[in-house]
C-alpha atoms as a PDB file:
ATOM      1  CA  UNK A   1     111.264 124.793  85.706  1.00  0.00           C
ATOM      2  CA  UNK A   2     109.489 123.171  82.796  1.00  0.00           C
ATOM      3  CA  UNK A   3     105.974 121.879  82.904  1.00  0.00           C
ATOM      4  CA  UNK A   4     105.251 118.850  80.798  1.00  0.00           C
ATOM      5  CA  UNK A   5     101.742 117.966  79.760  1.00  0.00           C
ATOM      6  CA  UNK A   6     100.603 114.393  80.033  1.00  0.00           C
ATOM      7  CA  UNK A   7      98.255 113.121  77.358  1.00  0.00           C
ATOM      8  CA  UNK A   8      96.147 110.003  77.776  1.00  0.00           C
ATOM      9  CA  UNK A   9      93.225 108.302  76.067  1.00  0.00           C
ATOM     10  CA  UNK A  10      91.965 106.969  79.394  1.00  0.00           C
ATOM     11  CA  UNK A  11      90.641 110.136  81.029  1.00  0.00           C
ATOM     12  CA  UNK A  12      89.883 113.638  79.765  1.00  0.00           C
ATOM     13  CA  UNK A  13      88.440 116.576  81.674  1.00  0.00           C
ATOM     14  CA  UNK A  14      87.066 119.896  80.528  1.00  0.00           C
ATOM     15  CA  UNK A  15      87.353 122.693  83.098  1.00  0.00           C
ATOM     16  CA  UNK A  16      84.677 125.213  83.974  1.00  0.00           C
ATOM     17  CA  UNK A  17      85.124 128.469  82.017  1.00  0.00           C
ATOM     18  CA  UNK A  18      85.625 130.536  85.170  1.00  0.00           C
ATOM     19  CA  UNK A  19      87.545 127.981  87.277  1.00  0.00           C
ATOM     20  CA  UNK A  20      90.304 125.802  85.852  1.00  0.00           C
ATOM     21  CA  UNK A  21      90.197 123.532  88.917  1.00  0.00           C
ATOM     22  CA  UNK A  22      86.493 122.642  88.642  1.00  0.00           C
ATOM     23  CA  UNK A  23      85.495 119.971  86.146  1.00  0.00           C
ATOM     24  CA  UNK A  24      82.646 120.799  83.777  1.00  0.00           C
ATOM     25  CA  UNK A  25      82.802 117.462  81.956  1.00  0.00           C
ATOM     26  CA  UNK A  26      84.803 114.270  82.446  1.00  0.00           C
ATOM     27  CA  UNK A  27      85.258 111.499  79.903  1.00  0.00           C
ATOM     28  CA  UNK A  28      86.520 107.968  80.498  1.00  0.00           C
ATOM     29  CA  UNK A  29      87.591 106.346  77.225  1.00  0.00           C
ATOM     30  CA  UNK A  30      85.272 108.756  75.432  1.00  0.00           C
ATOM     31  CA  UNK A  31      82.198 108.059  77.589  1.00  0.00           C
ATOM     32  CA  UNK A  32      80.686 111.041  79.405  1.00  0.00           C
ATOM     33  CA  UNK A  33      81.126 110.137  83.080  1.00  0.00           C
ATOM     34  CA  UNK A  34      78.607 112.666  84.418  1.00  0.00           C
ATOM     35  CA  UNK A  35      76.054 112.369  81.612  1.00  0.00           C
ATOM     36  CA  UNK A  36      76.185 108.690  80.591  1.00  0.00           C
ATOM     37  CA  UNK A  37      77.776 106.716  83.403  1.00  0.00           C
ATOM     38  CA  UNK A  38      77.046 108.275  86.785  1.00  0.00           C
ATOM     39  CA  UNK A  39      74.180 106.417  88.402  1.00  0.00           C
ATOM     40  CA  UNK A  40      73.875 103.976  85.501  1.00  0.00           C
ATOM     41  CA  UNK A  41      77.168 102.094  85.161  1.00  0.00           C
ATOM     42  CA  UNK A  42      78.234  99.449  87.641  1.00  0.00           C
ATOM     43  CA  UNK A  43      81.671  99.451  89.221  1.00  0.00           C
ATOM     44  CA  UNK A  44      82.789  96.400  87.228  1.00  0.00           C
ATOM     45  CA  UNK A  45      81.702  98.107  83.998  1.00  0.00           C
ATOM     46  CA  UNK A  46      83.871 101.118  84.840  1.00  0.00           C
ATOM     47  CA  UNK A  47      86.809  98.869  85.710  1.00  0.00           C
ATOM     48  CA  UNK A  48      86.429  96.910  82.450  1.00  0.00           C
ATOM     49  CA  UNK A  49      86.231 100.157  80.492  1.00  0.00           C
ATOM     50  CA  UNK A  50      89.427 101.461  82.081  1.00  0.00           C
ATOM     51  CA  UNK A  51      91.408  98.347  81.171  1.00  0.00           C
ATOM     52  CA  UNK A  52      89.872  97.227  77.874  1.00  0.00           C
ATOM     53  CA  UNK A  53      89.006 100.568  76.201  1.00  0.00           C
ATOM     54  CA  UNK A  54      85.449  99.407  75.519  1.00  0.00           C
ATOM     55  CA  UNK A  55      82.296  98.857  77.522  1.00  0.00           C
ATOM     56  CA  UNK A  56      81.651  95.238  78.514  1.00  0.00           C
ATOM     57  CA  UNK A  57      78.700  93.248  77.262  1.00  0.00           C
ATOM     58  CA  UNK A  58      75.976  92.520  79.819  1.00  0.00           C
ATOM     59  CA  UNK A  59      77.176  88.911  80.115  1.00  0.00           C
ATOM     60  CA  UNK A  60      80.779  89.981  80.766  1.00  0.00           C
ATOM     61  CA  UNK A  61      79.703  92.535  83.359  1.00  0.00           C
ATOM     62  CA  UNK A  62      77.620  89.900  85.154  1.00  0.00           C
ATOM     63  CA  UNK A  63      80.549  87.465  85.078  1.00  0.00           C
ATOM     64  CA  UNK A  64      82.967  90.067  86.448  1.00  0.00           C
ATOM     65  CA  UNK A  65      80.570  90.993  89.232  1.00  0.00           C
ATOM     66  CA  UNK A  66      80.150  87.338  90.233  1.00  0.00           C
ATOM     67  CA  UNK A  67      83.922  86.876  90.104  1.00  0.00           C
ATOM     68  CA  UNK A  68      84.495  89.926  92.317  1.00  0.00           C
ATOM     69  CA  UNK A  69      82.126  88.514  94.930  1.00  0.00           C
ATOM     70  CA  UNK A  70      83.724  85.061  94.739  1.00  0.00           C
ATOM     71  CA  UNK A  71      87.247  86.461  95.154  1.00  0.00           C
ATOM     72  CA  UNK A  72      86.365  88.777  98.033  1.00  0.00           C
ATOM     73  CA  UNK A  73      88.435  88.270 101.170  1.00  0.00           C
ATOM     74  CA  UNK A  74      86.476  86.052 103.567  1.00  0.00           C
ATOM     75  CA  UNK A  75      87.980  87.865 106.543  1.00  0.00           C
ATOM     76  CA  UNK A  76      88.468  86.323 109.976  1.00  0.00           C
ATOM     77  CA  UNK A  77      85.883  83.575 109.377  1.00  0.00           C
ATOM     78  CA  UNK A  78      88.263  81.713 107.083  1.00  0.00           C
ATOM     79  CA  UNK A  79      90.070  79.026 109.106  1.00  0.00           C
ATOM     80  CA  UNK A  80      93.589  80.042 108.050  1.00  0.00           C
ATOM     81  CA  UNK A  81      92.992  83.711 108.871  1.00  0.00           C
ATOM     82  CA  UNK A  82      91.425  82.790 112.214  1.00  0.00           C
ATOM     83  CA  UNK A  83      94.390  80.556 113.109  1.00  0.00           C
ATOM     84  CA  UNK A  84      96.909  83.276 112.249  1.00  0.00           C
ATOM     85  CA  UNK A  85      94.968  85.869 114.265  1.00  0.00           C
ATOM     86  CA  UNK A  86      94.760  83.559 117.294  1.00  0.00           C
ATOM     87  CA  UNK A  87      98.473  82.784 117.053  1.00  0.00           C
ATOM     88  CA  UNK A  88      99.333  86.464 116.840  1.00  0.00           C
ATOM     89  CA  UNK A  89      97.085  87.466 119.738  1.00  0.00           C
ATOM     90  CA  UNK A  90      98.386  84.693 121.998  1.00  0.00           C
ATOM     91  CA  UNK A  91     102.002  85.598 121.304  1.00  0.00           C
ATOM     92  CA  UNK A  92     103.000  82.580 119.258  1.00  0.00           C
ATOM     93  CA  UNK A  93     104.934  84.162 116.412  1.00  0.00           C
ATOM     94  CA  UNK A  94     105.587  80.792 114.790  1.00  0.00           C
ATOM     95  CA  UNK A  95     101.858  80.102 114.578  1.00  0.00           C
ATOM     96  CA  UNK A  96     101.023  83.535 113.196  1.00  0.00           C
ATOM     97  CA  UNK A  97     103.514  83.508 110.335  1.00  0.00           C
END
């Protein structure tokens, strides 16, 4: 059995000296996750960093956060979702599809 190593620029971890399964340091695109990002970076900033290989500007992060809220699933309050749920509950398969 051969073991191949996977190399990536996205994520890098450094193990603890006494435990190879415990992470001493983690880096996302070169940024120290525990030292620089944890508790300071927003979720959209992390997502942008993963895809674009650079941190977003404040304006881009604000735009992405507003977009994420706008695109969020409205759930059962949306009329089409409510109609499909009612059709499914009442047994009308034609109405729920």
